[in-house]
C-alpha atoms as a PDB file:
ATOM      1  CA  MET A   1      51.687  84.526   7.063  1.00  0.00           C
ATOM      2  CA  GLU A   2      53.920  83.177   9.813  1.00  0.00           C
ATOM      3  CA  LEU A   3      53.547  79.664  11.201  1.00  0.00           C
ATOM      4  CA  GLU A   4      55.334  78.004  14.083  1.00  0.00           C
ATOM      5  CA  LEU A   5      57.364  74.979  13.063  1.00  0.00           C
ATOM      6  CA  HIS A   6      55.426  72.681  15.360  1.00  0.00           C
ATOM      7  CA  GLN A   7      52.281  73.506  13.378  1.00  0.00           C
ATOM      8  CA  LEU A   8      53.662  71.906  10.220  1.00  0.00           C
ATOM      9  CA  ASP A   9      52.686  68.437   8.997  1.00  0.00           C
ATOM     10  CA  LEU A  10      55.570  67.075   6.867  1.00  0.00           C
ATOM     11  CA  ARG A  11      53.827  63.900   5.746  1.00  0.00           C
ATOM     12  CA  TYR A  12      55.052  64.293   2.125  1.00  0.00           C
ATOM     13  CA  GLU A  13      58.683  65.032   2.943  1.00  0.00           C
ATOM     14  CA  SER A  14      59.711  61.511   1.921  1.00  0.00           C
ATOM     15  CA  LEU A  15      58.574  62.139  -1.659  1.00  0.00           C
ATOM     16  CA  ARG A  16      61.618  64.347  -2.263  1.00  0.00           C
ATOM     17  CA  ARG A  17      65.255  63.280  -2.220  1.00  0.00           C
ATOM     18  CA  ARG A  18      67.884  65.275  -0.372  1.00  0.00           C
ATOM     19  CA  VAL A  19      70.913  66.814  -2.068  1.00  0.00           C
ATOM     20  CA  PRO A  20      73.461  67.686   0.657  1.00  0.00           C
ATOM     21  CA  GLU A  21      75.217  70.317  -1.476  1.00  0.00           C
ATOM     22  CA  ARG A  22      71.968  72.210  -2.091  1.00  0.00           C
ATOM     23  CA  GLU A  23      70.995  71.990   1.561  1.00  0.00           C
ATOM     24  CA  LYS A  24      74.330  73.501   2.623  1.00  0.00           C
ATOM     25  CA  ARG A  25      73.920  76.393   0.187  1.00  0.00           C
ATOM     26  CA  LEU A  26      70.364  77.025   1.379  1.00  0.00           C
ATOM     27  CA  LEU A  27      71.450  76.938   5.030  1.00  0.00           C
ATOM     28  CA  ALA A  28      74.164  79.512   4.338  1.00  0.00           C
ATOM     29  CA  SER A  29      71.717  81.738   2.438  1.00  0.00           C
ATOM     30  CA  LEU A  30      69.106  81.616   5.198  1.00  0.00           C
ATOM     31  CA  ALA A  31      71.735  82.356   7.829  1.00  0.00           C
ATOM     32  CA  GLN A  32      72.916  85.422   5.912  1.00  0.00           C
ATOM     33  CA  HIS A  33      69.745  86.806   4.356  1.00  0.00           C
ATOM     34  CA  GLY A  34      66.864  85.164   6.200  1.00  0.00           C
ATOM     35  CA  GLN A  35      63.932  83.418   4.530  1.00  0.00           C
ATOM     36  CA  GLN A  36      63.116  85.021   1.168  1.00  0.00           C
ATOM     37  CA  THR A  37      60.593  82.542  -0.251  1.00  0.00           C
ATOM     38  CA  PRO A  38      57.603  81.218   1.717  1.00  0.00           C
ATOM     39  CA  ILE A  39      56.833  77.547   1.947  1.00  0.00           C
ATOM     40  CA  VAL A  40      53.484  76.295   0.604  1.00  0.00           C
ATOM     41  CA  VAL A  41      50.872  74.729   2.868  1.00  0.00           C
ATOM     42  CA  VAL A  42      47.292  73.529   2.555  1.00  0.00           C
ATOM     43  CA  GLY A  43      44.564  72.960   5.073  1.00  0.00           C
ATOM     44  CA  ALA A  44      42.750  75.277   7.449  1.00  0.00           C
ATOM     45  CA  SER A  45      43.287  73.383  10.702  1.00  0.00           C
ATOM     46  CA  ALA A  46      45.856  74.245  13.353  1.00  0.00           C
ATOM     47  CA  GLU A  47      48.301  71.808  11.724  1.00  0.00           C
ATOM     48  CA  ARG A  48      49.081  72.777   8.118  1.00  0.00           C
ATOM     49  CA  VAL A  49      50.235  70.200   5.572  1.00  0.00           C
ATOM     50  CA  VAL A  50      53.415  71.250   3.751  1.00  0.00           C
ATOM     51  CA  VAL A  51      53.462  70.620  -0.009  1.00  0.00           C
ATOM     52  CA  ASP A  52      56.608  72.612  -0.829  1.00  0.00           C
ATOM     53  CA  GLY A  53      59.522  73.920   1.243  1.00  0.00           C
ATOM     54  CA  TYR A  54      60.860  70.903   3.131  1.00  0.00           C
ATOM     55  CA  LYS A  55      64.489  71.993   2.679  1.00  0.00           C
ATOM     56  CA  ARG A  56      63.681  75.430   4.070  1.00  0.00           C
ATOM     57  CA  VAL A  57      61.988  73.898   7.108  1.00  0.00           C
ATOM     58  CA  ARG A  58      64.981  71.629   7.803  1.00  0.00           C
ATOM     59  CA  ALA A  59      67.389  74.547   7.456  1.00  0.00           C
ATOM     60  CA  LEU A  60      65.339  76.807   9.735  1.00  0.00           C
ATOM     61  CA  ARG A  61      65.312  74.091  12.384  1.00  0.00           C
ATOM     62  CA  GLN A  62      69.103  73.885  12.190  1.00  0.00           C
ATOM     63  CA  LEU A  63      69.210  77.651  12.662  1.00  0.00           C
ATOM     64  CA  ARG A  64      67.016  77.334  15.788  1.00  0.00           C
ATOM     65  CA  SER A  65      64.178  79.308  14.242  1.00  0.00           C
ATOM     66  CA  ASP A  66      60.694  78.916  15.704  1.00  0.00           C
ATOM     67  CA  VAL A  67      58.670  80.324  12.812  1.00  0.00           C
ATOM     68  CA  VAL A  68      58.508  80.035   9.038  1.00  0.00           C
ATOM     69  CA  LEU A  69      56.961  82.256   6.383  1.00  0.00           C
ATOM     70  CA  ALA A  70      54.203  80.382   4.541  1.00  0.00           C
ATOM     71  CA  THR A  71      51.561  80.848   1.900  1.00  0.00           C
ATOM     72  CA  ALA A  72      48.363  78.783   1.867  1.00  0.00           C
ATOM     73  CA  TRP A  73      46.814  77.316  -1.270  1.00  0.00           C
ATOM     74  CA  ASP A  74      43.048  76.978  -1.320  1.00  0.00           C
ATOM     75  CA  LEU A  75      43.223  73.434  -2.746  1.00  0.00           C
ATOM     76  CA  ASP A  76      42.777  69.940  -1.446  1.00  0.00           C
ATOM     77  CA  GLU A  77      45.951  67.953  -0.811  1.00  0.00           C
ATOM     78  CA  ALA A  78      45.866  65.875  -4.000  1.00  0.00           C
ATOM     79  CA  ASP A  79      45.367  68.880  -6.278  1.00  0.00           C
ATOM     80  CA  ALA A  80      48.063  70.826  -4.406  1.00  0.00           C
ATOM     81  CA  LEU A  81      50.594  68.000  -4.811  1.00  0.00           C
ATOM     82  CA  VAL A  82      49.878  67.732  -8.529  1.00  0.00           C
ATOM     83  CA  LEU A  83      50.095  71.502  -9.025  1.00  0.00           C
ATOM     84  CA  GLU A  84      53.336  71.776  -7.070  1.00  0.00           C
ATOM     85  CA  ARG A  85      54.881  69.023  -9.185  1.00  0.00           C
ATOM     86  CA  LEU A  86      53.770  70.640 -12.444  1.00  0.00           C
ATOM     87  CA  MET A  87      55.228  73.989 -11.344  1.00  0.00           C
ATOM     88  CA  ARG A  88      58.552  72.347 -10.528  1.00  0.00           C
ATOM     89  CA  VAL A  89      59.305  71.070 -14.043  1.00  0.00           C
ATOM     90  CA  GLY A  90      62.837  72.494 -14.045  1.00  0.00           C
ATOM     91  CA  ASP A  91      63.937  71.196 -10.642  1.00  0.00           C
ATOM     92  CA  GLY A  92      65.398  67.951 -11.907  1.00  0.00           C
ATOM     93  CA  ASP A  93      62.824  65.445 -10.664  1.00  0.00           C
ATOM     94  CA  GLY A  94      63.635  62.010 -12.032  1.00  0.00           C
ATOM     95  CA  PRO A  95      61.414  58.993 -12.666  1.00  0.00           C
ATOM     96  CA  LEU A  96      61.961  57.696  -9.148  1.00  0.00           C
ATOM     97  CA  GLU A  97      60.720  60.868  -7.433  1.00  0.00           C
ATOM     98  CA  GLN A  98      57.835  60.983  -9.872  1.00  0.00           C
ATOM     99  CA  GLY A  99      57.045  57.397  -8.898  1.00  0.00           C
ATOM    100  CA  TRP A 100      57.024  58.294  -5.187  1.00  0.00           C
ATOM    101  CA  LEU A 101      54.492  61.042  -5.809  1.00  0.00           C
ATOM    102  CA  LEU A 102      52.303  58.885  -8.052  1.00  0.00           C
ATOM    103  CA  GLY A 103      52.380  56.063  -5.514  1.00  0.00           C
ATOM    104  CA  GLU A 104      51.358  58.438  -2.710  1.00  0.00           C
ATOM    105  CA  LEU A 105      48.479  59.849  -4.745  1.00  0.00           C
ATOM    106  CA  GLU A 106      47.339  56.340  -5.661  1.00  0.00           C
ATOM    107  CA  ALA A 107      47.561  54.965  -2.116  1.00  0.00           C
ATOM    108  CA  ARG A 108      46.371  57.963  -0.071  1.00  0.00           C
ATOM    109  CA  PHE A 109      43.688  59.366  -2.362  1.00  0.00           C
ATOM    110  CA  GLY A 110      42.693  56.286  -4.360  1.00  0.00           C
ATOM    111  CA  LEU A 111      43.450  57.871  -7.727  1.00  0.00           C
ATOM    112  CA  SER A 112      43.514  55.387 -10.601  1.00  0.00           C
ATOM    113  CA  GLN A 113      46.296  55.277 -13.167  1.00  0.00           C
ATOM    114  CA  ASP A 114      43.909  56.740 -15.738  1.00  0.00           C
ATOM    115  CA  GLU A 115      43.143  59.656 -13.405  1.00  0.00           C
ATOM    116  CA  LEU A 116      46.836  60.192 -12.626  1.00  0.00           C
ATOM    117  CA  ALA A 117      47.674  60.210 -16.315  1.00  0.00           C
ATOM    118  CA  ARG A 118      44.956  62.788 -16.955  1.00  0.00           C
ATOM    119  CA  ARG A 119      46.066  65.073 -14.120  1.00  0.00           C
ATOM    120  CA  PHE A 120      49.711  65.042 -15.198  1.00  0.00           C
ATOM    121  CA  ASP A 121      48.865  65.166 -18.892  1.00  0.00           C
ATOM    122  CA  LYS A 122      50.823  61.956 -19.485  1.00  0.00           C
ATOM    123  CA  SER A 123      50.056  58.523 -20.853  1.00  0.00           C
ATOM    124  CA  VAL A 124      48.883  55.645 -18.672  1.00  0.00           C
ATOM    125  CA  SER A 125      52.075  53.853 -19.706  1.00  0.00           C
ATOM    126  CA  TRP A 126      54.151  56.728 -18.259  1.00  0.00           C
ATOM    127  CA  VAL A 127      52.332  56.380 -14.941  1.00  0.00           C
ATOM    128  CA  SER A 128      52.607  52.598 -14.941  1.00  0.00           C
ATOM    129  CA  ARG A 129      56.358  52.574 -15.611  1.00  0.00           C
ATOM    130  CA  ARG A 130      57.103  54.945 -12.733  1.00  0.00           C
ATOM    131  CA  LEU A 131      54.899  53.064 -10.308  1.00  0.00           C
ATOM    132  CA  SER A 132      56.678  49.843 -11.324  1.00  0.00           C
ATOM    133  CA  LEU A 133      60.056  51.397 -10.568  1.00  0.00           C
ATOM    134  CA  VAL A 134      58.987  52.204  -7.017  1.00  0.00           C
ATOM    135  CA  LYS A 135      57.676  48.687  -6.516  1.00  0.00           C
ATOM    136  CA  GLU A 136      60.761  47.002  -8.002  1.00  0.00           C
ATOM    137  CA  LEU A 137      63.470  48.933  -6.151  1.00  0.00           C
ATOM    138  CA  PRO A 138      63.820  47.761  -2.508  1.00  0.00           C
ATOM    139  CA  GLU A 139      62.672  50.326   0.032  1.00  0.00           C
ATOM    140  CA  GLN A 140      66.016  50.484   1.847  1.00  0.00           C
ATOM    141  CA  ILE A 141      67.680  51.467  -1.428  1.00  0.00           C
ATOM    142  CA  GLN A 142      65.022  54.103  -2.122  1.00  0.00           C
ATOM    143  CA  GLU A 143      65.782  55.560   1.300  1.00  0.00           C
ATOM    144  CA  ARG A 144      69.465  55.850   0.363  1.00  0.00           C
ATOM    145  CA  VAL A 145      68.386  57.826  -2.715  1.00  0.00           C
ATOM    146  CA  ARG A 146      66.164  60.076  -0.574  1.00  0.00           C
ATOM    147  CA  GLN A 147      69.070  60.820   1.747  1.00  0.00           C
ATOM    148  CA  GLY A 148      71.351  61.734  -1.159  1.00  0.00           C
ATOM    149  CA  GLU A 149      73.625  58.716  -0.598  1.00  0.00           C
ATOM    150  CA  LEU A 150      72.950  57.225  -4.045  1.00  0.00           C
ATOM    151  CA  VAL A 151      72.753  59.000  -7.388  1.00  0.00           C
ATOM    152  CA  PRO A 152      69.156  58.655  -8.680  1.00  0.00           C
ATOM    153  CA  HIS A 153      70.357  58.059 -12.243  1.00  0.00           C
ATOM    154  CA  ALA A 154      72.574  55.206 -11.054  1.00  0.00           C
ATOM    155  CA  ALA A 155      69.747  53.677  -9.041  1.00  0.00           C
ATOM    156  CA  MET A 156      67.449  53.842 -12.062  1.00  0.00           C
ATOM    157  CA  LYS A 157      69.883  52.579 -14.661  1.00  0.00           C
ATOM    158  CA  TYR A 158      71.699  49.853 -12.721  1.00  0.00           C
ATOM    159  CA  LEU A 159      70.036  48.980  -9.410  1.00  0.00           C
ATOM    160  CA  VAL A 160      66.511  48.596 -10.771  1.00  0.00           C
ATOM    161  CA  PRO A 161      67.542  45.951 -13.370  1.00  0.00           C
ATOM    162  CA  LEU A 162      69.769  44.280 -10.761  1.00  0.00           C
ATOM    163  CA  ALA A 163      66.819  44.120  -8.349  1.00  0.00           C
ATOM    164  CA  ARG A 164      64.686  42.582 -11.094  1.00  0.00           C
ATOM    165  CA  ALA A 165      67.320  39.918 -11.720  1.00  0.00           C
ATOM    166  CA  ASN A 166      68.331  39.281  -8.101  1.00  0.00           C
ATOM    167  CA  ARG A 167      66.739  41.368  -5.362  1.00  0.00           C
ATOM    168  CA  LYS A 168      68.914  39.877  -2.623  1.00  0.00           C
ATOM    169  CA  ALA A 169      72.125  40.673  -4.517  1.00  0.00           C
ATOM    170  CA  CYS A 170      70.960  44.240  -5.098  1.00  0.00           C
ATOM    171  CA  ILE A 171      70.322  44.788  -1.383  1.00  0.00           C
ATOM    172  CA  GLN A 172      73.665  43.206  -0.433  1.00  0.00           C
ATOM    173  CA  LEU A 173      75.595  45.328  -2.935  1.00  0.00           C
ATOM    174  CA  VAL A 174      74.159  48.598  -1.626  1.00  0.00           C
ATOM    175  CA  ALA A 175      74.733  47.516   1.985  1.00  0.00           C
ATOM    176  CA  SER A 176      78.381  46.708   1.207  1.00  0.00           C
ATOM    177  CA  LEU A 177      78.877  50.182  -0.277  1.00  0.00           C
ATOM    178  CA  GLY A 178      78.420  51.625   3.203  1.00  0.00           C
ATOM    179  CA  LYS A 179      77.949  55.358   3.534  1.00  0.00           C
ATOM    180  CA  ARG A 180      80.325  56.250   0.712  1.00  0.00           C
ATOM    181  CA  LYS A 181      78.580  57.607  -2.384  1.00  0.00           C
ATOM    182  CA  PRO A 182      79.513  55.855  -5.645  1.00  0.00           C
ATOM    183  CA  SER A 183      79.328  57.727  -8.930  1.00  0.00           C
ATOM    184  CA  SER A 184      77.120  56.626 -11.820  1.00  0.00           C
ATOM    185  CA  ARG A 185      80.235  55.376 -13.631  1.00  0.00           C
ATOM    186  CA  GLN A 186      81.252  53.252 -10.642  1.00  0.00           C
ATOM    187  CA  MET A 187      77.743  51.813 -10.278  1.00  0.00           C
ATOM    188  CA  GLY A 188      77.788  50.972 -13.995  1.00  0.00           C
ATOM    189  CA  ALA A 189      81.112  49.161 -13.574  1.00  0.00           C
ATOM    190  CA  LEU A 190      79.761  47.135 -10.631  1.00  0.00           C
ATOM    191  CA  TYR A 191      76.601  46.190 -12.516  1.00  0.00           C
ATOM    192  CA  ALA A 192      78.560  45.175 -15.631  1.00  0.00           C
ATOM    193  CA  ALA A 193      80.939  43.064 -13.513  1.00  0.00           C
ATOM    194  CA  TRP A 194      78.024  41.346 -11.788  1.00  0.00           C
ATOM    195  CA  LEU A 195      76.383  40.544 -15.140  1.00  0.00           C
ATOM    196  CA  SER A 196      79.553  39.069 -16.631  1.00  0.00           C
ATOM    197  CA  GLY A 197      80.835  37.344 -13.489  1.00  0.00           C
ATOM    198  CA  ASN A 198      80.548  33.778 -12.250  1.00  0.00           C
ATOM    199  CA  THR A 199      79.307  32.683  -8.837  1.00  0.00           C
ATOM    200  CA  LYS A 200      82.672  33.181  -7.114  1.00  0.00           C
ATOM    201  CA  SER A 201      83.423  36.590  -8.650  1.00  0.00           C
ATOM    202  CA  ARG A 202      79.920  37.792  -7.823  1.00  0.00           C
ATOM    203  CA  GLU A 203      80.362  36.785  -4.185  1.00  0.00           C
ATOM    204  CA  LEU A 204      83.628  38.745  -4.001  1.00  0.00           C
ATOM    205  CA  LEU A 205      82.048  41.734  -5.722  1.00  0.00           C
ATOM    206  CA  LEU A 206      79.068  41.826  -3.373  1.00  0.00           C
ATOM    207  CA  SER A 207      81.209  41.431  -0.266  1.00  0.00           C
ATOM    208  CA  ASP A 208      83.598  44.303  -1.087  1.00  0.00           C
ATOM    209  CA  PRO A 209      82.588  46.411  -4.091  1.00  0.00           C
ATOM    210  CA  TRP A 210      85.113  49.158  -3.244  1.00  0.00           C
ATOM    211  CA  LEU A 211      87.973  46.644  -3.434  1.00  0.00           C
ATOM    212  CA  PHE A 212      86.764  45.643  -6.900  1.00  0.00           C
ATOM    213  CA  LEU A 213      86.608  49.287  -8.013  1.00  0.00           C
ATOM    214  CA  ARG A 214      90.142  49.961  -6.723  1.00  0.00           C
ATOM    215  CA  ALA A 215      91.493  46.912  -8.533  1.00  0.00           C
ATOM    216  CA  GLN A 216      89.728  47.940 -11.729  1.00  0.00           C
ATOM    217  CA  GLU A 217      91.129  51.467 -11.514  1.00  0.00           C
ATOM    218  CA  GLU A 218      94.662  50.182 -10.930  1.00  0.00           C
ATOM    219  CA  GLY A 219      94.321  47.847 -13.910  1.00  0.00           C
ATOM    220  CA  ARG A 220      93.090  50.709 -16.082  1.00  0.00           C
ATOM    221  CA  ARG A 221      95.998  52.878 -14.939  1.00  0.00           C
ATOM    222  CA  ALA A 222      98.503  50.106 -15.683  1.00  0.00           C
ATOM    223  CA  GLN A 223      97.114  49.666 -19.184  1.00  0.00           C
ATOM    224  CA  LYS A 224      97.342  53.400 -19.743  1.00  0.00           C
ATOM    225  CA  ASP A 225     100.977  53.414 -18.627  1.00  0.00           C
ATOM    226  CA  GLU A 226     101.913  50.483 -20.865  1.00  0.00           C
ATOM    227  CA  LYS A 227     101.542  52.214 -24.222  1.00  0.00           C
ATOM    228  CA  PRO A 228     103.843  51.092 -27.074  1.00  0.00           C
ATOM    229  CA  PRO A 229     106.993  53.267 -27.344  1.00  0.00           C
ATOM    230  CA  ALA A 230     105.962  54.678 -30.716  1.00  0.00           C
ATOM    231  CA  GLN A 231     102.544  55.695 -29.366  1.00  0.00           C
ATOM    232  CA  VAL A 232     104.136  57.454 -26.379  1.00  0.00           C
ATOM    233  CA  LEU A 233     106.508  59.401 -28.608  1.00  0.00           C
ATOM    234  CA  LEU A 234     103.831  60.275 -31.153  1.00  0.00           C
ATOM    235  CA  SER A 235     101.557  61.502 -28.368  1.00  0.00           C
ATOM    236  CA  ASP A 236     104.278  63.833 -27.028  1.00  0.00           C
ATOM    237  CA  LEU A 237     105.128  65.161 -30.491  1.00  0.00           C
ATOM    238  CA  GLY A 238     101.454  65.671 -31.294  1.00  0.00           C
ATOM    239  CA  ALA A 239     100.987  67.693 -28.107  1.00  0.00           C
ATOM    240  CA  LEU A 240     104.113  69.739 -28.883  1.00  0.00           C
ATOM    241  CA  GLY A 241     102.877  70.530 -32.397  1.00  0.00           C
ATOM    242  CA  ALA A 242      99.398  71.442 -31.178  1.00  0.00           C
ATOM    243  CA  ILE A 243     100.754  73.827 -28.553  1.00  0.00           C
ATOM    244  CA  SER A 244     103.087  75.467 -31.100  1.00  0.00           C
ATOM    245  CA  ARG A 245     100.290  75.965 -33.631  1.00  0.00           C
ATOM    246  CA  ARG A 246      97.983  77.401 -30.973  1.00  0.00           C
ATOM    247  CA  ALA A 247     100.627  79.890 -29.785  1.00  0.00           C
ATOM    248  CA  CYS A 248     101.370  80.940 -33.397  1.00  0.00           C
ATOM    249  CA  GLN A 249      97.699  81.550 -34.056  1.00  0.00           C
ATOM    250  CA  ARG A 250      97.355  83.731 -30.961  1.00  0.00           C
ATOM    251  CA  LEU A 251     100.395  85.799 -31.948  1.00  0.00           C
ATOM    252  CA  ARG A 252      99.014  86.283 -35.462  1.00  0.00           C
ATOM    253  CA  GLN A 253      95.784  87.563 -33.911  1.00  0.00           C
ATOM    254  CA  GLY A 254      97.680  90.325 -32.095  1.00  0.00           C
ATOM    255  CA  LEU A 255      97.921  88.852 -28.633  1.00  0.00           C
ATOM    256  CA  TRP A 256     101.423  90.301 -28.075  1.00  0.00           C
ATOM    257  CA  SER A 257     100.153  93.864 -28.391  1.00  0.00           C
ATOM    258  CA  ARG A 258      97.816  93.316 -25.427  1.00  0.00           C
ATOM    259  CA  VAL A 259     100.532  91.988 -23.111  1.00  0.00           C
ATOM    260  CA  LEU A 260     101.752  94.399 -20.391  1.00  0.00           C
ATOM    261  CA  PRO A 261     105.499  95.234 -20.231  1.00  0.00           C
ATOM    262  CA  PRO A 262     106.202  93.306 -16.976  1.00  0.00           C
ATOM    263  CA  GLU A 263     104.458  90.267 -18.455  1.00  0.00           C
ATOM    264  CA  ARG A 264     106.505  90.556 -21.667  1.00  0.00           C
ATOM    265  CA  GLU A 265     109.737  90.068 -19.709  1.00  0.00           C
ATOM    266  CA  GLU A 266     108.434  86.808 -18.259  1.00  0.00           C
ATOM    267  CA  ILE A 267     107.246  85.633 -21.686  1.00  0.00           C
ATOM    268  CA  VAL A 268     110.652  86.410 -23.249  1.00  0.00           C
ATOM    269  CA  ARG A 269     112.338  84.253 -20.585  1.00  0.00           C
ATOM    270  CA  CYS A 270     109.863  81.421 -21.257  1.00  0.00           C
ATOM    271  CA  VAL A 271     110.432  81.669 -25.015  1.00  0.00           C
ATOM    272  CA  ALA A 272     114.204  81.459 -24.501  1.00  0.00           C
ATOM    273  CA  GLN A 273     113.792  78.358 -22.329  1.00  0.00           C
ATOM    274  CA  ALA A 274     111.418  76.805 -24.878  1.00  0.00           C
ATOM    275  CA  HIS A 275     114.055  77.491 -27.562  1.00  0.00           C
ATOM    276  CA  VAL A 276     116.677  75.617 -25.544  1.00  0.00           C
ATOM    277  CA  ASP A 277     114.315  72.699 -24.864  1.00  0.00           C
ATOM    278  CA  ALA A 278     113.253  72.454 -28.516  1.00  0.00           C
ATOM    279  CA  ASP A 279     116.856  72.633 -29.795  1.00  0.00           C
ATOM    280  CA  CYS A 280     117.818  69.860 -27.392  1.00  0.00           C
ATOM    281  CA  LEU A 281     114.935  67.735 -28.643  1.00  0.00           C
ATOM    282  CA  PHE A 282     115.704  68.252 -32.336  1.00  0.00           C
ATOM    283  CA  ASP A 283     119.471  67.684 -31.851  1.00  0.00           C
ATOM    284  CA  LEU A 284     118.736  64.439 -30.057  1.00  0.00           C
ATOM    285  CA  PHE A 285     116.401  63.337 -32.858  1.00  0.00           C
ATOM    286  CA  ASP A 286     119.080  64.104 -35.470  1.00  0.00           C
ATOM    287  CA  LYS A 287     121.599  62.026 -33.530  1.00  0.00           C
ATOM    288  CA  GLU A 288     119.185  59.111 -33.137  1.00  0.00           C
ATOM    289  CA  LEU A 289     118.336  59.213 -36.858  1.00  0.00           C
ATOM    290  CA  ARG A 290     122.038  59.243 -37.851  1.00  0.00           C
ATOM    291  CA  ASP A 291     122.791  56.317 -35.548  1.00  0.00           C
ATOM    292  CA  ALA A 292     119.826  54.387 -36.918  1.00  0.00           C
ATOM    293  CA  ARG A 293     120.975  54.533 -40.561  1.00  0.00           C
ATOM    294  CA  PRO A 294     122.323  51.210 -41.913  1.00  0.00           C
ATOM    295  CA  GLU A 295     126.094  50.871 -42.374  1.00  0.00           C
ATOM    296  CA  PRO A 296     127.209  51.029 -46.067  1.00  0.00           C
ATOM    297  CA  ALA A 297     128.291  47.692 -47.581  1.00  0.00           C
ATOM    298  CA  LEU A 298     132.045  47.100 -48.220  1.00  0.00           C
ATOM    299  CA  GLY A 299     133.177  48.437 -51.628  1.00  0.00           C
ATOM    300  CA  HIS A 300     130.235  50.807 -51.908  1.00  0.00           C
ATOM    301  CA  SER A 301     130.016  54.479 -51.016  1.00  0.00           C
END
């Protein structure tokens, strides 16, 4: 059936996080091919409650569409939300999104943790842990996750324990990040630095986390550049040997017979240049080795 967009009740839209990359791909697909999959609604009143299809609705609004294709489930809202979640097992929902849904079902429909565990075929402990996550992570940070500005894995692994230890510091850190999206690795580095830091270093970290990350990256790059001379040379020689062995193996497997004549001319030129480069390298090594030999003692050959 077709519904007008103003007939839709999106009360559960906040239970799902946004992924900007997916939304862009969906927008492009709808613009080119139109809506292929209906959204899911429940309720028989003039205003239908959406339980699946929030991204499609947002995209259709951007495309100035007035109507949306929909299918209605003959279920009450709680059962529809549970069913939709169970059908979406492969969509990458994490513990935080699961916690949002469980919290909504608990608050709106008065379902106990035992009842939630039964409906999702999980343990009460599974339900309790996810509800705790939602309660422990500050709401303004959860909103950043919903909007796709924070990686859910990073929020779970680093911001939840930081909020447990110091809620104010957690809120300040995320605020100082601004609208830029840190990776999980960067969030891990910030959390580790906060744990190991003193009062002064923590203040600096919380005031400008991006400055800390830049300094850390520059330090890592400097360490990488300061390898011992022997290690640098051994690394180059190891790469040279690996490339040579790989090329030999491909030639033994008959790669040359599959090369087109115009391509063979280019390969012959490259082989000649590689010959010159390798001869230069080996001549230089021979010279260095001769110069490095100790001088013979007087009176001895």
